[in-house]
Amino acid sequence: MKRSLSAILLFPALFGYSQHNRQAYIDSLTDYRKNYIQTHEIVRESDRQFFRFYPIDPAYHIAAKFERISNDKWFPMNTSGKEKQVYRRFGKITFKIHDTAVHLYIYQSQSLLTNQQYKDYLFIPFTDATSGLESYGGGRYLDFTIADITNNSLLIDFNKAYNPYCAYTTGYNCPIPPKENDLPVAIRAGEKNYSKPNH
């Protein structure tokens, strides 16, 4: 029987996080963050101590309802630099966070479609109520592939939300999340503001 939207939205609460599973999830995210910090190519080794994150919270690991947007028009997405990047809306996800029903659009890059390694890459740039305060003002990103979408559902994990390169240095054309991806709630998960002194 087809799962109802209400069941999907309630899925985080029904994830079955026993104490063991919760700890395993936290441990896996802890390892993920360590690797993220150690392999980050923009930040120098001596500056890796300035990465900051929200506490890992399984409540931000959410099953969202996915709706495909077919043949959407390509458009130039604004960036932090002079060059715009061309994307199109690939789909829309709907979910509930903090008892508020929200949605985000998923984008597909035109340039990456010609790259065999990244042609299935999908991208969610977003801002929320923490942007410019606790988290980077230019928004944060989540990455997926088309294969991550199954049965019209997509698991999103805001604990993996990360900053664009522009949060650390200048000279990059980092996509700026469109206004349609500005969440009206605070996402206190994932990466916070980079805290290097005098940055």
N, C-alpha and C. Protein backbone atom coordinates (compact mmCIF):
# COMPACT_ATOMS: atom_id res chain seq x y z
N MET A 1 0.84 -1.19 0.00
CA MET A 1 0.00 0.00 0.00
C MET A 1 0.88 1.24 0.00
N LYS A 2 0.49 2.25 -0.75
CA LYS A 2 1.29 3.46 -0.87
C LYS A 2 1.31 4.21 0.46
N ARG A 3 2.50 4.62 0.88
CA ARG A 3 2.65 5.32 2.14
C ARG A 3 2.08 6.73 2.02
N SER A 4 1.32 7.16 3.00
CA SER A 4 0.73 8.49 2.98
C SER A 4 1.77 9.54 3.34
N LEU A 5 1.48 10.79 2.95
CA LEU A 5 2.39 11.89 3.26
C LEU A 5 2.55 12.05 4.75
N SER A 6 1.46 11.90 5.50
CA SER A 6 1.56 12.07 6.95
C SER A 6 2.48 11.03 7.56
N ALA A 7 2.47 9.84 7.01
CA ALA A 7 3.36 8.80 7.53
C ALA A 7 4.81 9.14 7.22
N ILE A 8 5.03 9.70 6.01
CA ILE A 8 6.39 10.08 5.64
C ILE A 8 6.90 11.19 6.54
N LEU A 9 6.04 12.18 6.81
CA LEU A 9 6.46 13.29 7.63
C LEU A 9 6.72 12.88 9.06
N LEU A 10 6.06 11.83 9.50
CA LEU A 10 6.26 11.34 10.86
C LEU A 10 7.43 10.37 10.96
N PHE A 11 7.98 10.02 9.80
CA PHE A 11 9.01 8.98 9.78
C PHE A 11 10.17 9.23 10.71
N PRO A 12 10.67 10.49 10.86
CA PRO A 12 11.78 10.71 11.77
C PRO A 12 11.49 10.22 13.18
N ALA A 13 10.27 10.42 13.65
CA ALA A 13 9.92 9.98 15.00
C ALA A 13 9.83 8.46 15.07
N LEU A 14 9.63 7.84 13.90
CA LEU A 14 9.48 6.39 13.87
C LEU A 14 10.73 5.70 13.34
N PHE A 15 11.83 6.45 13.30
CA PHE A 15 13.06 5.91 12.74
C PHE A 15 13.52 4.66 13.49
N GLY A 16 13.00 4.45 14.68
CA GLY A 16 13.42 3.29 15.45
C GLY A 16 14.77 3.50 16.09
N TYR A 17 15.06 4.73 16.49
CA TYR A 17 16.33 5.01 17.12
C TYR A 17 16.34 4.45 18.53
N SER A 18 16.71 3.20 18.65
CA SER A 18 16.98 2.65 19.97
C SER A 18 18.24 3.34 20.48
N GLN A 19 18.55 3.15 21.73
CA GLN A 19 19.75 3.77 22.28
C GLN A 19 20.99 3.34 21.50
N HIS A 20 21.00 2.07 21.10
CA HIS A 20 22.14 1.55 20.33
C HIS A 20 22.20 2.22 18.96
N ASN A 21 21.05 2.28 18.26
CA ASN A 21 21.03 2.87 16.93
C ASN A 21 21.35 4.36 16.97
N ARG A 22 20.85 5.05 18.00
CA ARG A 22 21.12 6.47 18.14
C ARG A 22 22.62 6.71 18.31
N GLN A 23 23.26 5.90 19.15
CA GLN A 23 24.69 6.06 19.38
C GLN A 23 25.48 5.74 18.12
N ALA A 24 25.03 4.70 17.40
CA ALA A 24 25.72 4.34 16.16
C ALA A 24 25.61 5.47 15.14
N TYR A 25 24.44 6.09 15.09
CA TYR A 25 24.25 7.22 14.18
C TYR A 25 25.16 8.39 14.56
N ILE A 26 25.19 8.72 15.84
CA ILE A 26 26.03 9.82 16.31
C ILE A 26 27.50 9.52 16.05
N ASP A 27 27.91 8.28 16.28
CA ASP A 27 29.30 7.89 16.02
C ASP A 27 29.65 8.04 14.54
N SER A 28 28.71 7.64 13.66
CA SER A 28 28.98 7.74 12.23
C SER A 28 29.10 9.20 11.79
N LEU A 29 28.25 10.07 12.35
CA LEU A 29 28.33 11.50 12.02
C LEU A 29 29.58 12.13 12.61
N THR A 30 30.01 11.66 13.77
CA THR A 30 31.25 12.16 14.36
C THR A 30 32.43 11.85 13.46
N ASP A 31 32.47 10.61 12.95
CA ASP A 31 33.53 10.23 12.02
C ASP A 31 33.45 11.04 10.72
N TYR A 32 32.22 11.26 10.25
CA TYR A 32 32.00 12.04 9.03
C TYR A 32 32.56 13.44 9.20
N ARG A 33 32.33 14.07 10.35
CA ARG A 33 32.82 15.42 10.59
C ARG A 33 34.34 15.46 10.70
N LYS A 34 34.90 14.48 11.36
CA LYS A 34 36.36 14.43 11.47
C LYS A 34 36.99 14.35 10.09
N ASN A 35 36.43 13.52 9.23
CA ASN A 35 36.96 13.38 7.87
C ASN A 35 36.76 14.67 7.09
N TYR A 36 35.60 15.30 7.26
CA TYR A 36 35.30 16.57 6.60
C TYR A 36 36.35 17.63 6.95
N ILE A 37 36.67 17.72 8.23
CA ILE A 37 37.65 18.70 8.69
C ILE A 37 39.05 18.37 8.18
N GLN A 38 39.42 17.11 8.28
CA GLN A 38 40.78 16.70 7.93
C GLN A 38 41.06 16.81 6.44
N THR A 39 40.02 16.66 5.62
CA THR A 39 40.23 16.64 4.17
C THR A 39 39.80 17.93 3.48
N HIS A 40 39.35 18.91 4.26
CA HIS A 40 38.86 20.15 3.64
C HIS A 40 40.01 20.84 2.90
N GLU A 41 39.81 21.07 1.61
CA GLU A 41 40.91 21.53 0.76
C GLU A 41 41.13 23.04 0.79
N ILE A 42 40.19 23.79 1.32
CA ILE A 42 40.32 25.25 1.34
C ILE A 42 41.03 25.73 2.61
N VAL A 43 40.76 25.07 3.71
CA VAL A 43 41.28 25.54 4.99
C VAL A 43 42.65 24.92 5.28
N ARG A 44 43.57 25.76 5.71
CA ARG A 44 44.92 25.28 6.03
C ARG A 44 44.89 24.40 7.28
N GLU A 45 45.88 23.54 7.38
CA GLU A 45 45.96 22.61 8.51
C GLU A 45 45.91 23.35 9.84
N SER A 46 46.61 24.46 9.93
CA SER A 46 46.68 25.22 11.19
C SER A 46 45.35 25.89 11.55
N ASP A 47 44.44 25.97 10.57
CA ASP A 47 43.16 26.65 10.81
C ASP A 47 41.99 25.69 10.99
N ARG A 48 42.24 24.40 10.97
CA ARG A 48 41.14 23.43 11.06
C ARG A 48 40.45 23.47 12.43
N GLN A 49 41.12 24.03 13.41
CA GLN A 49 40.54 24.14 14.75
C GLN A 49 39.36 25.11 14.79
N PHE A 50 39.18 25.92 13.74
CA PHE A 50 38.15 26.94 13.76
C PHE A 50 36.82 26.48 13.15
N PHE A 51 36.74 25.22 12.71
CA PHE A 51 35.46 24.68 12.28
C PHE A 51 34.53 24.56 13.49
N ARG A 52 33.27 24.86 13.29
CA ARG A 52 32.28 24.76 14.37
C ARG A 52 31.01 24.09 13.83
N PHE A 53 30.39 23.27 14.67
CA PHE A 53 29.20 22.55 14.27
C PHE A 53 28.16 22.57 15.39
N TYR A 54 26.92 22.42 15.01
CA TYR A 54 25.87 22.19 15.99
C TYR A 54 26.00 20.77 16.53
N PRO A 55 25.48 20.52 17.73
CA PRO A 55 25.47 19.14 18.23
C PRO A 55 24.72 18.22 17.27
N ILE A 56 25.19 17.01 17.13
CA ILE A 56 24.53 16.04 16.25
C ILE A 56 23.16 15.69 16.83
N ASP A 57 22.13 15.82 16.01
CA ASP A 57 20.75 15.59 16.46
C ASP A 57 20.02 14.73 15.44
N PRO A 58 19.69 13.48 15.78
CA PRO A 58 18.99 12.60 14.84
C PRO A 58 17.64 13.14 14.37
N ALA A 59 17.07 14.10 15.09
CA ALA A 59 15.78 14.68 14.69
C ALA A 59 15.89 15.44 13.36
N TYR A 60 17.12 15.78 12.97
CA TYR A 60 17.32 16.49 11.71
C TYR A 60 17.63 15.53 10.56
N HIS A 61 17.49 14.24 10.81
CA HIS A 61 17.62 13.22 9.76
C HIS A 61 16.20 12.86 9.36
N ILE A 62 15.77 13.36 8.22
CA ILE A 62 14.34 13.42 7.89
C ILE A 62 14.04 12.74 6.56
N ALA A 63 12.94 12.02 6.52
CA ALA A 63 12.43 11.46 5.26
C ALA A 63 11.45 12.47 4.67
N ALA A 64 11.77 13.01 3.51
CA ALA A 64 10.94 14.02 2.88
C ALA A 64 10.24 13.45 1.66
N LYS A 65 9.07 13.97 1.38
CA LYS A 65 8.32 13.58 0.18
C LYS A 65 8.92 14.31 -1.02
N PHE A 66 9.22 13.56 -2.07
CA PHE A 66 9.83 14.13 -3.27
C PHE A 66 8.82 14.24 -4.41
N GLU A 67 8.84 15.39 -5.08
CA GLU A 67 8.02 15.60 -6.27
C GLU A 67 8.93 16.02 -7.41
N ARG A 68 8.89 15.30 -8.50
CA ARG A 68 9.74 15.59 -9.67
C ARG A 68 9.19 16.80 -10.42
N ILE A 69 10.08 17.67 -10.85
CA ILE A 69 9.73 18.78 -11.73
C ILE A 69 10.36 18.48 -13.07
N SER A 70 9.54 18.19 -14.06
CA SER A 70 10.05 17.78 -15.36
C SER A 70 10.24 18.97 -16.30
N ASN A 71 11.33 18.93 -17.04
CA ASN A 71 11.59 19.91 -18.10
C ASN A 71 11.52 21.36 -17.62
N ASP A 72 12.01 21.60 -16.42
CA ASP A 72 12.04 22.97 -15.92
C ASP A 72 13.08 23.78 -16.70
N LYS A 73 12.87 25.07 -16.81
CA LYS A 73 13.78 25.91 -17.57
C LYS A 73 15.09 26.15 -16.81
N TRP A 74 16.17 26.20 -17.56
CA TRP A 74 17.46 26.55 -16.98
C TRP A 74 17.45 28.03 -16.62
N PHE A 75 18.13 28.38 -15.54
CA PHE A 75 18.20 29.79 -15.15
C PHE A 75 19.57 30.07 -14.53
N PRO A 76 20.03 31.32 -14.60
CA PRO A 76 21.31 31.68 -14.00
C PRO A 76 21.15 31.94 -12.50
N MET A 77 21.76 31.11 -11.68
CA MET A 77 21.69 31.29 -10.23
C MET A 77 22.76 32.28 -9.81
N ASN A 78 22.37 33.26 -9.01
CA ASN A 78 23.33 34.23 -8.51
C ASN A 78 24.40 33.56 -7.66
N THR A 79 25.58 34.13 -7.68
CA THR A 79 26.69 33.61 -6.88
C THR A 79 27.32 34.76 -6.09
N SER A 80 28.27 34.42 -5.27
CA SER A 80 28.97 35.42 -4.47
C SER A 80 29.96 36.22 -5.30
N GLY A 81 30.24 35.75 -6.51
CA GLY A 81 31.18 36.43 -7.40
C GLY A 81 30.48 37.05 -8.59
N LYS A 82 31.23 37.30 -9.65
CA LYS A 82 30.68 37.95 -10.84
C LYS A 82 30.03 36.95 -11.79
N GLU A 83 30.43 35.69 -11.71
CA GLU A 83 29.92 34.69 -12.64
C GLU A 83 28.71 33.96 -12.04
N LYS A 84 27.64 33.88 -12.83
CA LYS A 84 26.47 33.12 -12.41
C LYS A 84 26.63 31.68 -12.87
N GLN A 85 25.91 30.77 -12.24
CA GLN A 85 25.95 29.37 -12.62
C GLN A 85 24.55 28.93 -13.03
N VAL A 86 24.49 28.10 -14.05
CA VAL A 86 23.20 27.72 -14.63
C VAL A 86 22.68 26.43 -13.99
N TYR A 87 21.46 26.53 -13.47
CA TYR A 87 20.79 25.39 -12.84
C TYR A 87 19.35 25.31 -13.34
N ARG A 88 18.71 24.21 -13.01
CA ARG A 88 17.26 24.09 -13.16
C ARG A 88 16.71 23.35 -11.96
N ARG A 89 15.44 23.57 -11.68
CA ARG A 89 14.80 22.85 -10.58
C ARG A 89 14.52 21.42 -11.03
N PHE A 90 15.10 20.48 -10.30
CA PHE A 90 14.92 19.07 -10.61
C PHE A 90 13.71 18.50 -9.88
N GLY A 91 13.44 19.04 -8.69
CA GLY A 91 12.34 18.52 -7.90
C GLY A 91 12.11 19.36 -6.67
N LYS A 92 11.14 18.94 -5.89
CA LYS A 92 10.76 19.66 -4.67
C LYS A 92 10.56 18.64 -3.56
N ILE A 93 11.07 18.93 -2.38
CA ILE A 93 10.84 18.05 -1.24
C ILE A 93 9.99 18.78 -0.20
N THR A 94 9.11 18.03 0.44
CA THR A 94 8.23 18.55 1.47
C THR A 94 8.43 17.74 2.74
N PHE A 95 8.53 18.41 3.86
CA PHE A 95 8.75 17.72 5.12
C PHE A 95 8.31 18.62 6.27
N LYS A 96 8.38 18.09 7.46
CA LYS A 96 7.99 18.86 8.63
C LYS A 96 9.19 18.96 9.57
N ILE A 97 9.43 20.17 10.07
CA ILE A 97 10.52 20.40 11.02
C ILE A 97 10.01 21.36 12.08
N HIS A 98 10.25 21.04 13.34
CA HIS A 98 9.75 21.87 14.45
C HIS A 98 8.24 22.09 14.34
N ASP A 99 7.53 21.05 13.92
CA ASP A 99 6.06 21.11 13.76
C ASP A 99 5.62 22.08 12.66
N THR A 100 6.52 22.45 11.79
CA THR A 100 6.19 23.36 10.69
C THR A 100 6.42 22.63 9.37
N ALA A 101 5.41 22.64 8.51
CA ALA A 101 5.54 22.03 7.19
C ALA A 101 6.28 22.99 6.28
N VAL A 102 7.35 22.52 5.66
CA VAL A 102 8.18 23.36 4.80
C VAL A 102 8.54 22.60 3.53
N HIS A 103 9.15 23.31 2.60
CA HIS A 103 9.62 22.66 1.38
C HIS A 103 10.93 23.29 0.92
N LEU A 104 11.66 22.54 0.14
CA LEU A 104 12.90 23.01 -0.48
C LEU A 104 12.94 22.51 -1.92
N TYR A 105 13.54 23.29 -2.79
CA TYR A 105 13.74 22.86 -4.17
C TYR A 105 15.13 22.25 -4.32
N ILE A 106 15.19 21.24 -5.17
CA ILE A 106 16.44 20.56 -5.49
C ILE A 106 16.86 21.01 -6.89
N TYR A 107 18.13 21.35 -7.04
CA TYR A 107 18.61 21.88 -8.31
C TYR A 107 19.61 20.95 -8.99
N GLN A 108 19.64 21.05 -10.31
CA GLN A 108 20.57 20.27 -11.12
C GLN A 108 21.43 21.24 -11.92
N SER A 109 22.74 21.00 -11.93
CA SER A 109 23.68 21.88 -12.62
C SER A 109 23.77 21.52 -14.10
N GLN A 110 23.69 22.53 -14.95
CA GLN A 110 23.81 22.30 -16.39
C GLN A 110 25.22 21.85 -16.76
N SER A 111 26.22 22.48 -16.17
CA SER A 111 27.61 22.15 -16.53
C SER A 111 27.99 20.74 -16.09
N LEU A 112 27.46 20.28 -14.96
CA LEU A 112 27.83 18.96 -14.47
C LEU A 112 27.19 17.82 -15.27
N LEU A 113 26.17 18.13 -16.05
CA LEU A 113 25.53 17.09 -16.87
C LEU A 113 26.49 16.52 -17.90
N THR A 114 27.52 17.28 -18.25
CA THR A 114 28.50 16.80 -19.22
C THR A 114 29.68 16.10 -18.56
N ASN A 115 29.64 16.02 -17.23
CA ASN A 115 30.71 15.37 -16.48
C ASN A 115 30.23 13.98 -16.05
N GLN A 116 30.87 12.95 -16.56
CA GLN A 116 30.43 11.59 -16.31
C GLN A 116 30.38 11.27 -14.82
N GLN A 117 31.32 11.81 -14.07
CA GLN A 117 31.39 11.51 -12.64
C GLN A 117 30.28 12.20 -11.84
N TYR A 118 29.86 13.38 -12.29
CA TYR A 118 28.92 14.19 -11.50
C TYR A 118 27.59 14.45 -12.21
N LYS A 119 27.29 13.74 -13.28
CA LYS A 119 26.08 14.03 -14.05
C LYS A 119 24.80 13.74 -13.28
N ASP A 120 24.86 12.89 -12.26
CA ASP A 120 23.69 12.59 -11.45
C ASP A 120 23.65 13.39 -10.16
N TYR A 121 24.51 14.38 -10.06
CA TYR A 121 24.63 15.20 -8.85
C TYR A 121 23.44 16.14 -8.72
N LEU A 122 22.90 16.24 -7.50
CA LEU A 122 21.82 17.18 -7.17
C LEU A 122 22.25 18.02 -5.98
N PHE A 123 21.59 19.16 -5.83
CA PHE A 123 22.11 20.19 -4.95
C PHE A 123 20.97 20.94 -4.29
N ILE A 124 21.05 21.08 -2.96
CA ILE A 124 20.07 21.90 -2.22
C ILE A 124 20.82 23.00 -1.48
N PRO A 125 20.78 24.22 -2.00
CA PRO A 125 21.29 25.35 -1.24
C PRO A 125 20.13 25.93 -0.43
N PHE A 126 20.37 26.34 0.81
CA PHE A 126 19.26 26.87 1.60
C PHE A 126 19.77 27.88 2.62
N THR A 127 18.87 28.74 3.03
CA THR A 127 19.08 29.61 4.17
C THR A 127 17.97 29.33 5.17
N ASP A 128 18.18 29.75 6.39
CA ASP A 128 17.18 29.53 7.44
C ASP A 128 17.32 30.63 8.47
N ALA A 129 16.60 30.50 9.57
CA ALA A 129 16.58 31.56 10.58
C ALA A 129 17.91 31.76 11.30
N THR A 130 18.85 30.84 11.12
CA THR A 130 20.18 30.99 11.74
C THR A 130 21.17 31.70 10.81
N SER A 131 20.82 31.84 9.52
CA SER A 131 21.76 32.37 8.53
C SER A 131 22.14 33.82 8.85
N GLY A 132 23.43 34.07 8.87
CA GLY A 132 23.93 35.39 9.19
C GLY A 132 24.10 35.64 10.67
N LEU A 133 23.65 34.69 11.46
CA LEU A 133 23.77 34.79 12.91
C LEU A 133 24.66 33.67 13.43
N GLU A 134 24.09 32.50 13.55
CA GLU A 134 24.85 31.34 14.02
C GLU A 134 25.53 30.61 12.88
N SER A 135 24.92 30.65 11.71
CA SER A 135 25.49 29.97 10.54
C SER A 135 25.83 30.98 9.46
N TYR A 136 26.52 30.52 8.43
CA TYR A 136 27.02 31.40 7.38
C TYR A 136 25.88 32.14 6.68
N GLY A 137 26.04 33.46 6.52
CA GLY A 137 24.99 34.29 5.94
C GLY A 137 24.67 33.97 4.50
N GLY A 138 25.63 33.40 3.78
CA GLY A 138 25.42 33.04 2.38
C GLY A 138 24.74 31.71 2.18
N GLY A 139 24.27 31.11 3.28
CA GLY A 139 23.55 29.84 3.18
C GLY A 139 24.46 28.63 3.30
N ARG A 140 23.82 27.49 3.36
CA ARG A 140 24.54 26.21 3.45
C ARG A 140 24.02 25.26 2.38
N TYR A 141 24.74 24.16 2.18
CA TYR A 141 24.44 23.25 1.09
C TYR A 141 24.23 21.82 1.59
N LEU A 142 23.44 21.07 0.82
CA LEU A 142 23.30 19.63 0.96
C LEU A 142 23.47 19.02 -0.43
N ASP A 143 24.13 17.88 -0.51
CA ASP A 143 24.38 17.20 -1.79
C ASP A 143 23.67 15.86 -1.83
N PHE A 144 23.23 15.49 -3.04
CA PHE A 144 22.58 14.20 -3.26
C PHE A 144 22.90 13.72 -4.67
N THR A 145 22.47 12.51 -4.96
CA THR A 145 22.47 12.02 -6.33
C THR A 145 21.05 11.57 -6.67
N ILE A 146 20.77 11.40 -7.92
CA ILE A 146 19.45 10.96 -8.34
C ILE A 146 19.11 9.61 -7.71
N ALA A 147 20.12 8.76 -7.53
CA ALA A 147 19.89 7.43 -6.95
C ALA A 147 19.43 7.49 -5.50
N ASP A 148 19.65 8.62 -4.83
CA ASP A 148 19.21 8.75 -3.43
C ASP A 148 17.69 8.89 -3.31
N ILE A 149 17.03 9.17 -4.41
CA ILE A 149 15.58 9.33 -4.41
C ILE A 149 14.94 7.98 -4.70
N THR A 150 14.16 7.47 -3.76
CA THR A 150 13.51 6.18 -3.94
C THR A 150 12.05 6.27 -3.50
N ASN A 151 11.17 5.70 -4.30
CA ASN A 151 9.73 5.67 -3.96
C ASN A 151 9.21 7.06 -3.61
N ASN A 152 9.62 8.06 -4.39
CA ASN A 152 9.18 9.44 -4.18
C ASN A 152 9.51 9.96 -2.78
N SER A 153 10.64 9.50 -2.26
CA SER A 153 11.08 9.94 -0.94
C SER A 153 12.59 10.17 -0.98
N LEU A 154 13.03 11.14 -0.18
CA LEU A 154 14.46 11.45 -0.10
C LEU A 154 14.83 11.66 1.35
N LEU A 155 15.82 10.93 1.82
CA LEU A 155 16.33 11.14 3.17
C LEU A 155 17.29 12.31 3.15
N ILE A 156 17.00 13.32 3.95
CA ILE A 156 17.89 14.45 4.07
C ILE A 156 18.44 14.49 5.48
N ASP A 157 19.68 14.91 5.60
CA ASP A 157 20.32 14.97 6.91
C ASP A 157 20.97 16.33 7.09
N PHE A 158 20.29 17.21 7.81
CA PHE A 158 20.82 18.55 8.02
C PHE A 158 22.07 18.54 8.89
N ASN A 159 22.35 17.43 9.56
CA ASN A 159 23.60 17.31 10.29
C ASN A 159 24.81 17.35 9.35
N LYS A 160 24.55 17.14 8.05
CA LYS A 160 25.61 17.18 7.04
C LYS A 160 25.59 18.48 6.23
N ALA A 161 24.76 19.44 6.64
CA ALA A 161 24.73 20.73 5.95
C ALA A 161 26.10 21.40 6.09
N TYR A 162 26.66 21.87 4.99
CA TYR A 162 28.01 22.40 5.02
C TYR A 162 28.09 23.78 4.39
N ASN A 163 29.15 24.50 4.72
CA ASN A 163 29.37 25.84 4.20
C ASN A 163 30.02 25.81 2.82
N PRO A 164 29.68 26.78 1.97
CA PRO A 164 30.41 26.92 0.70
C PRO A 164 31.81 27.45 0.96
N TYR A 165 32.67 27.34 -0.05
CA TYR A 165 34.05 27.82 0.10
C TYR A 165 34.11 29.29 0.50
N CYS A 166 33.12 30.06 0.09
CA CYS A 166 33.13 31.50 0.37
C CYS A 166 33.02 31.81 1.86
N ALA A 167 32.67 30.84 2.67
CA ALA A 167 32.62 31.05 4.11
C ALA A 167 34.02 31.15 4.70
N TYR A 168 35.02 30.69 3.93
CA TYR A 168 36.39 30.63 4.45
C TYR A 168 37.34 31.62 3.77
N THR A 169 37.05 31.95 2.52
CA THR A 169 37.97 32.81 1.78
C THR A 169 37.23 33.47 0.62
N THR A 170 37.90 34.39 -0.07
CA THR A 170 37.30 35.08 -1.21
C THR A 170 37.79 34.46 -2.51
N GLY A 171 37.19 34.91 -3.61
CA GLY A 171 37.65 34.48 -4.93
C GLY A 171 36.86 33.36 -5.55
N TYR A 172 35.78 32.93 -4.94
CA TYR A 172 34.96 31.84 -5.47
C TYR A 172 33.59 32.35 -5.87
N ASN A 173 32.97 31.68 -6.83
CA ASN A 173 31.61 31.98 -7.25
C ASN A 173 30.67 30.96 -6.62
N CYS A 174 30.34 31.17 -5.37
CA CYS A 174 29.51 30.23 -4.63
C CYS A 174 28.03 30.53 -4.88
N PRO A 175 27.25 29.55 -5.32
CA PRO A 175 25.82 29.79 -5.55
C PRO A 175 25.13 30.34 -4.30
N ILE A 176 24.31 31.35 -4.49
CA ILE A 176 23.52 31.93 -3.42
C ILE A 176 22.13 31.29 -3.44
N PRO A 177 21.68 30.72 -2.35
CA PRO A 177 20.37 30.06 -2.35
C PRO A 177 19.26 31.00 -2.82
N PRO A 178 18.46 30.58 -3.80
CA PRO A 178 17.31 31.40 -4.21
C PRO A 178 16.36 31.63 -3.04
N LYS A 179 15.60 32.71 -3.11
CA LYS A 179 14.68 33.05 -2.02
C LYS A 179 13.66 31.93 -1.76
N GLU A 180 13.35 31.16 -2.79
CA GLU A 180 12.38 30.07 -2.63
C GLU A 180 12.93 28.97 -1.71
N ASN A 181 14.23 29.00 -1.42
CA ASN A 181 14.83 28.02 -0.51
C ASN A 181 15.25 28.65 0.82
N ASP A 182 14.55 29.71 1.19
CA ASP A 182 14.77 30.34 2.49
C ASP A 182 13.76 29.75 3.48
N LEU A 183 14.24 28.92 4.40
CA LEU A 183 13.35 28.27 5.35
C LEU A 183 12.97 29.24 6.47
N PRO A 184 11.70 29.22 6.89
CA PRO A 184 11.24 30.13 7.94
C PRO A 184 11.54 29.63 9.35
N VAL A 185 12.30 28.56 9.45
CA VAL A 185 12.62 27.96 10.74
C VAL A 185 14.12 27.94 10.94
N ALA A 186 14.56 27.72 12.16
CA ALA A 186 15.99 27.62 12.48
C ALA A 186 16.45 26.17 12.33
N ILE A 187 17.44 25.95 11.49
CA ILE A 187 18.03 24.63 11.33
C ILE A 187 19.32 24.60 12.14
N ARG A 188 19.21 24.20 13.38
CA ARG A 188 20.39 24.14 14.26
C ARG A 188 21.02 22.76 14.16
N ALA A 189 21.55 22.53 12.98
CA ALA A 189 22.23 21.26 12.67
C ALA A 189 23.24 21.55 11.58
N GLY A 190 24.28 20.74 11.53
CA GLY A 190 25.30 20.93 10.51
C GLY A 190 26.34 21.96 10.90
N GLU A 191 26.94 22.57 9.89
CA GLU A 191 28.07 23.47 10.12
C GLU A 191 27.60 24.87 10.53
N LYS A 192 28.30 25.44 11.50
CA LYS A 192 28.05 26.81 11.94
C LYS A 192 29.01 27.76 11.21
N ASN A 193 29.00 29.01 11.65
CA ASN A 193 29.95 29.99 11.14
C ASN A 193 31.39 29.53 11.39
N TYR A 194 32.23 29.71 10.41
CA TYR A 194 33.65 29.49 10.59
C TYR A 194 34.17 30.55 11.52
N SER A 195 34.91 30.17 12.56
CA SER A 195 35.19 31.10 13.65
C SER A 195 36.64 31.57 13.74
N LYS A 196 37.35 31.58 12.59
CA LYS A 196 38.73 32.06 12.63
C LYS A 196 38.74 33.53 13.05
N PRO A 197 39.56 33.90 14.02
CA PRO A 197 39.63 35.28 14.47
C PRO A 197 39.92 36.26 13.32
N ASN A 198 39.20 37.40 13.36
CA ASN A 198 39.37 38.47 12.37
C ASN A 198 39.03 38.02 10.96
N HIS A 199 38.20 36.94 10.88
CA HIS A 199 37.80 36.47 9.55
C HIS A 199 36.68 37.36 9.01
